[in-house]
Amino acid sequence: MTDRSFRPRRSVLYVPASNEKALAKVAGLSCDAVVIDLEDAVLPEDKAAARTRLDAFFAERPAGREIVVRVNALSSDFGRDDLLAACRWEPDAILLPKVNTPRDILEAGDVLDDEAADGIGLWAMVETPRAMLNLGAIAELGRDPASRLVCLVAGTNDLIKDTGVLATPDRRYLSVWLMQMVLAARAGGLDVLDGVSNDFRDLEAFARECAEGAAMGFDGKTLIHPAQIDPANTAFSPSPEAVAEARRIVAAFAEAENAGKGVIQLDGRMVERLHLAQAQRLLGKSGA
């Protein structure tokens, strides 16, 4: 069973498992999490060597951030070997690509139950039309800690490729699907990460996209270059005003006179325990 306590995921950087120099720099990065990628970033002929390289990486695993491994799909020639290797490495989570139905997650979970430590979670890429059609059922697994599912990740590039939708700078044709991901994640008690922005040189446009993602309700964004880390951390961090308000709510519920109360008054307005939970989560983000 995975640990469902709060973890900040404002900035989640993909790092190719085949890039030894990039792996060596992980310890010095300021992102909240890294996804070591065995899938798209590694050519078929290089996948076995990449797994061997990760044996050395995890032997001296850098501390201070969440480490996730993206394996190949279990239906591929490489997926099961990737998954078994990841069980041995014991990352914080395993990211499953090309998830189409809840069964894809349950099958991976069965392997982890037999081979892996209890604390390894599962993340799921939402990047296919079938995944969008089955999104509610996929996210509902988050209500069962035994499923290990803790996070959804938008795979916008693959959705664009598979549907033929026009990719515009404002993502107007993607936004309806992105909002569906946020809604499903919240219904399932999951975190949800916005998709990548491909032009890592245009940091102004990237910052706007991050701000839009934060406004949609995403917890953070997946990144392809270290230059994107700071803008993502800024966009997905709460404002000082929001932090101050959250602290006031937590302090009010902590007063002896409010012990056990479900609803209190604060500055002439009603504040419920759901607001306390929101405040505690926000303070968790602010401490990232």
C-alpha atoms as a PDB file:
ATOM      1  CA  MET A   1       0.000   0.000   0.000  1.00  0.00           C
ATOM      2  CA  THR A   2       1.414   3.380  -1.001  1.00  0.00           C
ATOM      3  CA  ASP A   3       1.917   6.459   1.169  1.00  0.00           C
ATOM      4  CA  ARG A   4      -0.870   8.892   0.310  1.00  0.00           C
ATOM      5  CA  SER A   5       0.602  11.834   2.259  1.00  0.00           C
ATOM      6  CA  PHE A   6       1.156  15.089   0.379  1.00  0.00           C
ATOM      7  CA  ARG A   7       4.173  15.457  -1.902  1.00  0.00           C
ATOM      8  CA  PRO A   8       4.797  18.567  -4.013  1.00  0.00           C
ATOM      9  CA  ARG A   9       4.837  17.868  -7.746  1.00  0.00           C
ATOM     10  CA  ARG A  10       5.055  21.373  -9.199  1.00  0.00           C
ATOM     11  CA  SER A  11       7.920  20.563 -11.555  1.00  0.00           C
ATOM     12  CA  VAL A  12       8.474  17.041 -12.872  1.00  0.00           C
ATOM     13  CA  LEU A  13      11.385  16.698 -15.299  1.00  0.00           C
ATOM     14  CA  TYR A  14      11.758  13.867 -17.803  1.00  0.00           C
ATOM     15  CA  VAL A  15      15.341  12.570 -17.890  1.00  0.00           C
ATOM     16  CA  PRO A  16      16.301  10.007 -20.575  1.00  0.00           C
ATOM     17  CA  ALA A  17      17.641   6.802 -19.047  1.00  0.00           C
ATOM     18  CA  SER A  18      20.125   6.663 -21.928  1.00  0.00           C
ATOM     19  CA  ASN A  19      21.661  10.063 -21.110  1.00  0.00           C
ATOM     20  CA  GLU A  20      24.411   9.463 -18.576  1.00  0.00           C
ATOM     21  CA  LYS A  21      25.309  13.161 -18.273  1.00  0.00           C
ATOM     22  CA  ALA A  22      21.696  14.134 -17.554  1.00  0.00           C
ATOM     23  CA  LEU A  23      21.393  11.404 -14.920  1.00  0.00           C
ATOM     24  CA  ALA A  24      24.531  12.691 -13.211  1.00  0.00           C
ATOM     25  CA  LYS A  25      22.961  16.149 -12.866  1.00  0.00           C
ATOM     26  CA  VAL A  26      19.762  14.975 -11.139  1.00  0.00           C
ATOM     27  CA  ALA A  27      21.127  15.580  -7.649  1.00  0.00           C
ATOM     28  CA  GLY A  28      21.650  19.292  -8.371  1.00  0.00           C
ATOM     29  CA  LEU A  29      18.233  20.029  -9.861  1.00  0.00           C
ATOM     30  CA  SER A  30      15.571  22.122  -8.106  1.00  0.00           C
ATOM     31  CA  CYS A  31      12.592  20.221  -9.501  1.00  0.00           C
ATOM     32  CA  ASP A  32      10.221  18.392  -7.176  1.00  0.00           C
ATOM     33  CA  ALA A  33      10.480  15.115  -9.090  1.00  0.00           C
ATOM     34  CA  VAL A  34      12.253  13.489 -12.001  1.00  0.00           C
ATOM     35  CA  VAL A  35      10.903  10.821 -14.327  1.00  0.00           C
ATOM     36  CA  ILE A  36      13.700   8.566 -15.550  1.00  0.00           C
ATOM     37  CA  ASP A  37      12.407   7.635 -18.991  1.00  0.00           C
ATOM     38  CA  LEU A  38      12.900   4.167 -20.434  1.00  0.00           C
ATOM     39  CA  GLU A  39      10.150   4.609 -23.022  1.00  0.00           C
ATOM     40  CA  ASP A  40      10.067   7.343 -25.688  1.00  0.00           C
ATOM     41  CA  ALA A  41      13.515   8.726 -24.892  1.00  0.00           C
ATOM     42  CA  VAL A  42      15.346   5.422 -25.449  1.00  0.00           C
ATOM     43  CA  LEU A  43      15.767   3.669 -28.798  1.00  0.00           C
ATOM     44  CA  PRO A  44      14.792  -0.039 -28.888  1.00  0.00           C
ATOM     45  CA  GLU A  45      18.388  -1.163 -29.371  1.00  0.00           C
ATOM     46  CA  ASP A  46      19.470   0.891 -26.323  1.00  0.00           C
ATOM     47  CA  LYS A  47      16.853  -0.220 -23.791  1.00  0.00           C
ATOM     48  CA  ALA A  48      18.807  -3.091 -22.225  1.00  0.00           C
ATOM     49  CA  ALA A  49      21.871  -0.863 -21.787  1.00  0.00           C
ATOM     50  CA  ALA A  50      19.688   1.856 -20.267  1.00  0.00           C
ATOM     51  CA  ARG A  51      18.407  -0.588 -17.654  1.00  0.00           C
ATOM     52  CA  THR A  52      21.981  -1.513 -16.784  1.00  0.00           C
ATOM     53  CA  ARG A  53      22.848   2.168 -16.447  1.00  0.00           C
ATOM     54  CA  LEU A  54      19.980   2.632 -14.007  1.00  0.00           C
ATOM     55  CA  ASP A  55      21.355  -0.137 -11.799  1.00  0.00           C
ATOM     56  CA  ALA A  56      24.289   2.181 -11.099  1.00  0.00           C
ATOM     57  CA  PHE A  57      22.079   5.276 -10.794  1.00  0.00           C
ATOM     58  CA  PHE A  58      19.842   3.738  -8.127  1.00  0.00           C
ATOM     59  CA  ALA A  59      22.823   2.269  -6.277  1.00  0.00           C
ATOM     60  CA  GLU A  60      23.756   5.886  -5.459  1.00  0.00           C
ATOM     61  CA  ARG A  61      20.280   7.350  -5.633  1.00  0.00           C
ATOM     62  CA  PRO A  62      20.208  11.128  -5.126  1.00  0.00           C
ATOM     63  CA  ALA A  63      18.141  12.312  -2.166  1.00  0.00           C
ATOM     64  CA  GLY A  64      15.836  15.287  -1.896  1.00  0.00           C
ATOM     65  CA  ARG A  65      13.263  14.647  -4.624  1.00  0.00           C
ATOM     66  CA  GLU A  66      10.792  12.100  -5.841  1.00  0.00           C
ATOM     67  CA  ILE A  67      12.219   9.607  -8.340  1.00  0.00           C
ATOM     68  CA  VAL A  68       9.849   7.991 -10.846  1.00  0.00           C
ATOM     69  CA  VAL A  69      10.654   5.506 -13.626  1.00  0.00           C
ATOM     70  CA  ARG A  70       8.641   5.513 -16.854  1.00  0.00           C
ATOM     71  CA  VAL A  71       8.624   1.972 -18.183  1.00  0.00           C
ATOM     72  CA  ASN A  72       7.565   0.752 -21.595  1.00  0.00           C
ATOM     73  CA  ALA A  73       4.001  -0.471 -21.988  1.00  0.00           C
ATOM     74  CA  LEU A  74       3.485  -3.962 -20.600  1.00  0.00           C
ATOM     75  CA  SER A  75       2.109  -4.987 -23.994  1.00  0.00           C
ATOM     76  CA  SER A  76       5.483  -4.176 -25.605  1.00  0.00           C
ATOM     77  CA  ASP A  77       8.567  -6.381 -25.848  1.00  0.00           C
ATOM     78  CA  PHE A  78      10.291  -4.346 -23.149  1.00  0.00           C
ATOM     79  CA  GLY A  79       7.575  -3.580 -20.610  1.00  0.00           C
ATOM     80  CA  ARG A  80       7.763  -6.565 -18.294  1.00  0.00           C
ATOM     81  CA  ASP A  81      11.574  -6.468 -18.088  1.00  0.00           C
ATOM     82  CA  ASP A  82      11.357  -2.736 -17.328  1.00  0.00           C
ATOM     83  CA  LEU A  83       8.768  -3.296 -14.628  1.00  0.00           C
ATOM     84  CA  LEU A  84      10.726  -6.071 -12.935  1.00  0.00           C
ATOM     85  CA  ALA A  85      13.887  -3.956 -13.014  1.00  0.00           C
ATOM     86  CA  ALA A  86      12.002  -1.026 -11.517  1.00  0.00           C
ATOM     87  CA  CYS A  87      10.765  -3.278  -8.705  1.00  0.00           C
ATOM     88  CA  ARG A  88      14.396  -3.999  -7.915  1.00  0.00           C
ATOM     89  CA  TRP A  89      15.377  -0.312  -7.987  1.00  0.00           C
ATOM     90  CA  GLU A  90      12.517   0.715  -5.662  1.00  0.00           C
ATOM     91  CA  PRO A  91      11.743   4.191  -7.061  1.00  0.00           C
ATOM     92  CA  ASP A  92       9.022   6.258  -5.429  1.00  0.00           C
ATOM     93  CA  ALA A  93       6.688   5.437  -8.309  1.00  0.00           C
ATOM     94  CA  ILE A  94       6.463   3.830 -11.738  1.00  0.00           C
ATOM     95  CA  LEU A  95       4.876   5.757 -14.605  1.00  0.00           C
ATOM     96  CA  LEU A  96       2.827   3.571 -16.943  1.00  0.00           C
ATOM     97  CA  PRO A  97       2.535   4.791 -20.553  1.00  0.00           C
ATOM     98  CA  LYS A  98      -0.281   4.128 -23.006  1.00  0.00           C
ATOM     99  CA  VAL A  99      -2.806   3.327 -20.274  1.00  0.00           C
ATOM    100  CA  ASN A 100      -6.145   2.581 -21.941  1.00  0.00           C
ATOM    101  CA  THR A 101      -8.274   0.954 -19.246  1.00  0.00           C
ATOM    102  CA  PRO A 102      -8.162   0.275 -15.491  1.00  0.00           C
ATOM    103  CA  ARG A 103      -6.943  -3.237 -16.326  1.00  0.00           C
ATOM    104  CA  ASP A 104      -3.582  -1.807 -17.478  1.00  0.00           C
ATOM    105  CA  ILE A 105      -3.012  -0.393 -14.004  1.00  0.00           C
ATOM    106  CA  LEU A 106      -4.306  -3.453 -12.178  1.00  0.00           C
ATOM    107  CA  GLU A 107      -2.018  -5.770 -14.165  1.00  0.00           C
ATOM    108  CA  ALA A 108       1.009  -3.653 -13.292  1.00  0.00           C
ATOM    109  CA  GLY A 109      -0.142  -3.563  -9.684  1.00  0.00           C
ATOM    110  CA  ASP A 110      -0.317  -7.352  -9.599  1.00  0.00           C
ATOM    111  CA  VAL A 111       3.351  -7.522 -10.630  1.00  0.00           C
ATOM    112  CA  LEU A 112       4.315  -4.977  -7.991  1.00  0.00           C
ATOM    113  CA  ASP A 113       2.382  -6.853  -5.307  1.00  0.00           C
ATOM    114  CA  ASP A 114       4.473  -9.951  -6.079  1.00  0.00           C
ATOM    115  CA  GLU A 115       7.828  -8.310  -6.697  1.00  0.00           C
ATOM    116  CA  ALA A 116       8.041  -4.825  -5.158  1.00  0.00           C
ATOM    117  CA  ALA A 117       8.038  -2.953  -1.887  1.00  0.00           C
ATOM    118  CA  ASP A 118       4.732  -1.638  -0.564  1.00  0.00           C
ATOM    119  CA  GLY A 119       5.756   2.012  -0.928  1.00  0.00           C
ATOM    120  CA  ILE A 120       6.095   2.083  -4.736  1.00  0.00           C
ATOM    121  CA  GLY A 121       3.187   3.968  -6.307  1.00  0.00           C
ATOM    122  CA  LEU A 122       1.839   3.995  -9.839  1.00  0.00           C
ATOM    123  CA  TRP A 123       1.383   6.987 -12.124  1.00  0.00           C
ATOM    124  CA  ALA A 124      -0.649   6.702 -15.324  1.00  0.00           C
ATOM    125  CA  MET A 125      -0.162   8.521 -18.622  1.00  0.00           C
ATOM    126  CA  VAL A 126      -3.430   9.799 -20.109  1.00  0.00           C
ATOM    127  CA  GLU A 127      -2.370   9.999 -23.729  1.00  0.00           C
ATOM    128  CA  THR A 128      -4.740   7.919 -25.850  1.00  0.00           C
ATOM    129  CA  PRO A 129      -8.346   8.371 -27.022  1.00  0.00           C
ATOM    130  CA  ARG A 130      -9.278   5.178 -25.173  1.00  0.00           C
ATOM    131  CA  ALA A 131      -7.817   6.544 -21.959  1.00  0.00           C
ATOM    132  CA  MET A 132      -9.968   9.660 -22.310  1.00  0.00           C
ATOM    133  CA  LEU A 133     -13.088   7.553 -22.832  1.00  0.00           C
ATOM    134  CA  ASN A 134     -12.241   5.415 -19.770  1.00  0.00           C
ATOM    135  CA  LEU A 135     -10.934   8.271 -17.651  1.00  0.00           C
ATOM    136  CA  GLY A 136     -13.549   8.059 -14.900  1.00  0.00           C
ATOM    137  CA  ALA A 137     -13.001   4.349 -14.330  1.00  0.00           C
ATOM    138  CA  ILE A 138      -9.232   4.785 -14.384  1.00  0.00           C
ATOM    139  CA  ALA A 139      -9.302   7.617 -11.845  1.00  0.00           C
ATOM    140  CA  GLU A 140     -11.706   5.724  -9.573  1.00  0.00           C
ATOM    141  CA  LEU A 141      -8.850   3.337  -8.791  1.00  0.00           C
ATOM    142  CA  GLY A 142      -7.353   6.174  -6.768  1.00  0.00           C
ATOM    143  CA  ARG A 143     -10.045   5.549  -4.149  1.00  0.00           C
ATOM    144  CA  ASP A 144      -8.496   2.153  -3.443  1.00  0.00           C
ATOM    145  CA  PRO A 145      -4.989   2.491  -1.968  1.00  0.00           C
ATOM    146  CA  ALA A 146      -4.317  -1.139  -2.892  1.00  0.00           C
ATOM    147  CA  SER A 147      -4.293  -0.087  -6.567  1.00  0.00           C
ATOM    148  CA  ARG A 148      -1.178   2.023  -5.849  1.00  0.00           C
ATOM    149  CA  LEU A 149      -2.440   4.706  -8.286  1.00  0.00           C
ATOM    150  CA  VAL A 150      -1.501   8.192  -7.040  1.00  0.00           C
ATOM    151  CA  CYS A 151      -1.089  10.454 -10.082  1.00  0.00           C
ATOM    152  CA  LEU A 152      -2.348  11.064 -13.630  1.00  0.00           C
ATOM    153  CA  VAL A 153      -0.055  12.629 -16.245  1.00  0.00           C
ATOM    154  CA  ALA A 154      -1.346  14.371 -19.357  1.00  0.00           C
ATOM    155  CA  GLY A 155       0.310  13.085 -22.519  1.00  0.00           C
ATOM    156  CA  THR A 156      -0.657  15.965 -24.760  1.00  0.00           C
ATOM    157  CA  ASN A 157       1.742  15.205 -27.613  1.00  0.00           C
ATOM    158  CA  ASP A 158       0.313  11.723 -28.107  1.00  0.00           C
ATOM    159  CA  LEU A 159      -3.256  12.958 -27.795  1.00  0.00           C
ATOM    160  CA  ILE A 160      -2.554  15.506 -30.533  1.00  0.00           C
ATOM    161  CA  LYS A 161      -0.959  12.822 -32.715  1.00  0.00           C
ATOM    162  CA  ASP A 162      -3.714  10.255 -32.242  1.00  0.00           C
ATOM    163  CA  THR A 163      -6.684  12.587 -32.635  1.00  0.00           C
ATOM    164  CA  GLY A 164      -5.424  15.052 -35.228  1.00  0.00           C
ATOM    165  CA  VAL A 165      -6.582  17.979 -33.083  1.00  0.00           C
ATOM    166  CA  LEU A 166      -4.922  21.277 -33.996  1.00  0.00           C
ATOM    167  CA  ALA A 167      -2.145  22.286 -31.586  1.00  0.00           C
ATOM    168  CA  THR A 168      -2.460  26.025 -30.971  1.00  0.00           C
ATOM    169  CA  PRO A 169      -0.406  28.195 -28.586  1.00  0.00           C
ATOM    170  CA  ASP A 170      -3.431  28.684 -26.325  1.00  0.00           C
ATOM    171  CA  ARG A 171      -4.289  24.950 -26.393  1.00  0.00           C
ATOM    172  CA  ARG A 172      -7.932  25.843 -27.021  1.00  0.00           C
ATOM    173  CA  TYR A 173      -8.765  22.451 -28.551  1.00  0.00           C
ATOM    174  CA  LEU A 174      -6.963  20.532 -25.816  1.00  0.00           C
ATOM    175  CA  SER A 175      -8.369  22.443 -22.862  1.00  0.00           C
ATOM    176  CA  VAL A 176     -11.610  20.470 -22.640  1.00  0.00           C
ATOM    177  CA  TRP A 177      -9.651  17.218 -22.292  1.00  0.00           C
ATOM    178  CA  LEU A 178      -7.246  18.769 -19.806  1.00  0.00           C
ATOM    179  CA  MET A 179     -10.131  19.904 -17.625  1.00  0.00           C
ATOM    180  CA  GLN A 180     -11.616  16.408 -17.788  1.00  0.00           C
ATOM    181  CA  MET A 181      -8.326  15.052 -16.457  1.00  0.00           C
ATOM    182  CA  VAL A 182      -8.401  17.471 -13.525  1.00  0.00           C
ATOM    183  CA  LEU A 183     -12.021  16.603 -12.729  1.00  0.00           C
ATOM    184  CA  ALA A 184     -11.351  12.857 -12.874  1.00  0.00           C
ATOM    185  CA  ALA A 185      -8.234  13.182 -10.729  1.00  0.00           C
ATOM    186  CA  ARG A 186     -10.091  15.080  -8.038  1.00  0.00           C
ATOM    187  CA  ALA A 187     -12.921  12.534  -8.091  1.00  0.00           C
ATOM    188  CA  GLY A 188     -10.347   9.800  -7.548  1.00  0.00           C
ATOM    189  CA  GLY A 189      -8.301  11.663  -4.953  1.00  0.00           C
ATOM    190  CA  LEU A 190      -5.299  11.777  -7.285  1.00  0.00           C
ATOM    191  CA  ASP A 191      -2.678  14.318  -8.240  1.00  0.00           C
ATOM    192  CA  VAL A 192      -2.638  15.370 -11.898  1.00  0.00           C
ATOM    193  CA  LEU A 193       0.186  16.855 -13.968  1.00  0.00           C
ATOM    194  CA  ASP A 194      -0.086  19.020 -17.078  1.00  0.00           C
ATOM    195  CA  GLY A 195       1.652  17.899 -20.273  1.00  0.00           C
ATOM    196  CA  VAL A 196       4.979  19.088 -21.630  1.00  0.00           C
ATOM    197  CA  SER A 197       5.705  22.276 -23.557  1.00  0.00           C
ATOM    198  CA  ASN A 198       7.960  21.400 -26.489  1.00  0.00           C
ATOM    199  CA  ASP A 199       9.668  24.766 -27.114  1.00  0.00           C
ATOM    200  CA  PHE A 200      11.922  24.994 -24.065  1.00  0.00           C
ATOM    201  CA  ARG A 201      13.611  28.129 -25.418  1.00  0.00           C
ATOM    202  CA  ASP A 202      10.457  30.278 -25.207  1.00  0.00           C
ATOM    203  CA  LEU A 203      10.248  30.590 -21.434  1.00  0.00           C
ATOM    204  CA  GLU A 204       7.773  33.470 -21.607  1.00  0.00           C
ATOM    205  CA  ALA A 205       5.261  31.304 -23.467  1.00  0.00           C
ATOM    206  CA  PHE A 206       6.064  28.450 -21.108  1.00  0.00           C
ATOM    207  CA  ALA A 207       5.311  30.605 -18.065  1.00  0.00           C
ATOM    208  CA  ARG A 208       1.911  31.519 -19.559  1.00  0.00           C
ATOM    209  CA  GLU A 209       1.147  27.854 -20.135  1.00  0.00           C
ATOM    210  CA  CYS A 210       2.131  27.061 -16.553  1.00  0.00           C
ATOM    211  CA  ALA A 211      -0.144  29.822 -15.245  1.00  0.00           C
ATOM    212  CA  GLU A 212      -3.019  28.446 -17.324  1.00  0.00           C
ATOM    213  CA  GLY A 213      -2.341  24.929 -16.047  1.00  0.00           C
ATOM    214  CA  ALA A 214      -2.340  26.136 -12.452  1.00  0.00           C
ATOM    215  CA  ALA A 215      -5.623  27.991 -13.072  1.00  0.00           C
ATOM    216  CA  MET A 216      -7.133  24.781 -14.479  1.00  0.00           C
ATOM    217  CA  GLY A 217      -6.282  23.034 -11.218  1.00  0.00           C
ATOM    218  CA  PHE A 218      -3.238  20.964 -12.159  1.00  0.00           C
ATOM    219  CA  ASP A 219      -0.786  20.189  -9.357  1.00  0.00           C
ATOM    220  CA  GLY A 220       2.254  20.733 -11.554  1.00  0.00           C
ATOM    221  CA  LYS A 221       3.731  20.292 -14.996  1.00  0.00           C
ATOM    222  CA  THR A 222       5.937  17.771 -16.747  1.00  0.00           C
ATOM    223  CA  LEU A 223       9.091  19.290 -18.225  1.00  0.00           C
ATOM    224  CA  ILE A 224      11.639  18.419 -20.888  1.00  0.00           C
ATOM    225  CA  HIS A 225      14.456  20.837 -19.989  1.00  0.00           C
ATOM    226  CA  PRO A 226      15.963  22.125 -16.708  1.00  0.00           C
ATOM    227  CA  ALA A 227      15.362  25.736 -17.829  1.00  0.00           C
ATOM    228  CA  GLN A 228      11.649  25.098 -17.315  1.00  0.00           C
ATOM    229  CA  ILE A 229      11.988  24.169 -13.633  1.00  0.00           C
ATOM    230  CA  ASP A 230      11.953  27.630 -12.043  1.00  0.00           C
ATOM    231  CA  PRO A 231       8.948  28.970 -14.039  1.00  0.00           C
ATOM    232  CA  ALA A 232       6.978  25.836 -13.147  1.00  0.00           C
ATOM    233  CA  ASN A 233       7.876  26.089  -9.459  1.00  0.00           C
ATOM    234  CA  THR A 234       6.760  29.710  -9.452  1.00  0.00           C
ATOM    235  CA  ALA A 235       3.467  29.117 -11.262  1.00  0.00           C
ATOM    236  CA  PHE A 236       2.396  26.144  -9.153  1.00  0.00           C
ATOM    237  CA  SER A 237       3.415  27.614  -5.786  1.00  0.00           C
ATOM    238  CA  PRO A 238       0.727  29.406  -3.752  1.00  0.00           C
ATOM    239  CA  SER A 239       0.896  33.175  -3.367  1.00  0.00           C
ATOM    240  CA  PRO A 240       2.051  34.741  -0.070  1.00  0.00           C
ATOM    241  CA  GLU A 241      -1.502  35.981   0.497  1.00  0.00           C
ATOM    242  CA  ALA A 242      -2.919  32.472   0.071  1.00  0.00           C
ATOM    243  CA  VAL A 243      -0.292  31.060   2.431  1.00  0.00           C
ATOM    244  CA  ALA A 244      -1.121  33.634   5.098  1.00  0.00           C
ATOM    245  CA  GLU A 245      -4.841  32.859   4.830  1.00  0.00           C
ATOM    246  CA  ALA A 246      -4.190  29.120   5.051  1.00  0.00           C
ATOM    247  CA  ARG A 247      -2.116  29.599   8.192  1.00  0.00           C
ATOM    248  CA  ARG A 248      -4.934  31.584   9.787  1.00  0.00           C
ATOM    249  CA  ILE A 249      -7.421  28.803   9.037  1.00  0.00           C
ATOM    250  CA  VAL A 250      -5.139  26.113  10.473  1.00  0.00           C
ATOM    251  CA  ALA A 251      -4.449  28.219  13.561  1.00  0.00           C
ATOM    252  CA  ALA A 252      -8.167  28.880  14.111  1.00  0.00           C
ATOM    253  CA  PHE A 253      -9.043  25.187  14.065  1.00  0.00           C
ATOM    254  CA  ALA A 254      -6.164  24.489  16.442  1.00  0.00           C
ATOM    255  CA  GLU A 255      -7.623  26.745  19.158  1.00  0.00           C
ATOM    256  CA  ALA A 256      -8.974  24.855  22.158  1.00  0.00           C
ATOM    257  CA  GLU A 257     -12.434  26.387  21.815  1.00  0.00           C
ATOM    258  CA  ASN A 258     -12.748  24.963  18.294  1.00  0.00           C
ATOM    259  CA  ALA A 259     -11.623  21.433  19.125  1.00  0.00           C
ATOM    260  CA  GLY A 260     -13.866  18.901  17.426  1.00  0.00           C
ATOM    261  CA  LYS A 261     -15.937  21.494  15.603  1.00  0.00           C
ATOM    262  CA  GLY A 262     -16.882  20.875  11.982  1.00  0.00           C
ATOM    263  CA  VAL A 263     -17.632  24.525  11.275  1.00  0.00           C
ATOM    264  CA  ILE A 264     -16.192  27.684  12.814  1.00  0.00           C
ATOM    265  CA  GLN A 265     -16.432  31.415  12.197  1.00  0.00           C
ATOM    266  CA  LEU A 266     -13.404  33.349  11.047  1.00  0.00           C
ATOM    267  CA  ASP A 267     -13.671  37.080  10.396  1.00  0.00           C
ATOM    268  CA  GLY A 268     -17.420  36.869  10.039  1.00  0.00           C
ATOM    269  CA  ARG A 269     -17.512  33.979   7.586  1.00  0.00           C
ATOM    270  CA  MET A 270     -18.140  30.282   7.876  1.00  0.00           C
ATOM    271  CA  VAL A 271     -15.119  28.002   7.567  1.00  0.00           C
ATOM    272  CA  GLU A 272     -15.565  24.230   7.372  1.00  0.00           C
ATOM    273  CA  ARG A 273     -13.142  21.359   7.852  1.00  0.00           C
ATOM    274  CA  LEU A 274     -12.952  20.962   4.090  1.00  0.00           C
ATOM    275  CA  HIS A 275     -11.371  24.430   4.089  1.00  0.00           C
ATOM    276  CA  LEU A 276      -8.945  23.193   6.744  1.00  0.00           C
ATOM    277  CA  ALA A 277      -7.949  20.292   4.494  1.00  0.00           C
ATOM    278  CA  GLN A 278      -7.457  22.694   1.595  1.00  0.00           C
ATOM    279  CA  ALA A 279      -5.368  24.979   3.786  1.00  0.00           C
ATOM    280  CA  GLN A 280      -3.163  22.138   4.984  1.00  0.00           C
ATOM    281  CA  ARG A 281      -2.581  20.992   1.411  1.00  0.00           C
ATOM    282  CA  LEU A 282      -1.724  24.524   0.318  1.00  0.00           C
ATOM    283  CA  LEU A 283       0.764  24.855   3.179  1.00  0.00           C
ATOM    284  CA  GLY A 284       2.301  21.584   2.048  1.00  0.00           C
ATOM    285  CA  LYS A 285       2.846  23.122  -1.382  1.00  0.00           C
ATOM    286  CA  SER A 286       4.285  26.279   0.144  1.00  0.00           C
ATOM    287  CA  GLY A 287       6.836  24.197   2.028  1.00  0.00           C
ATOM    288  CA  ALA A 288       8.130  22.611  -1.157  1.00  0.00           C
END
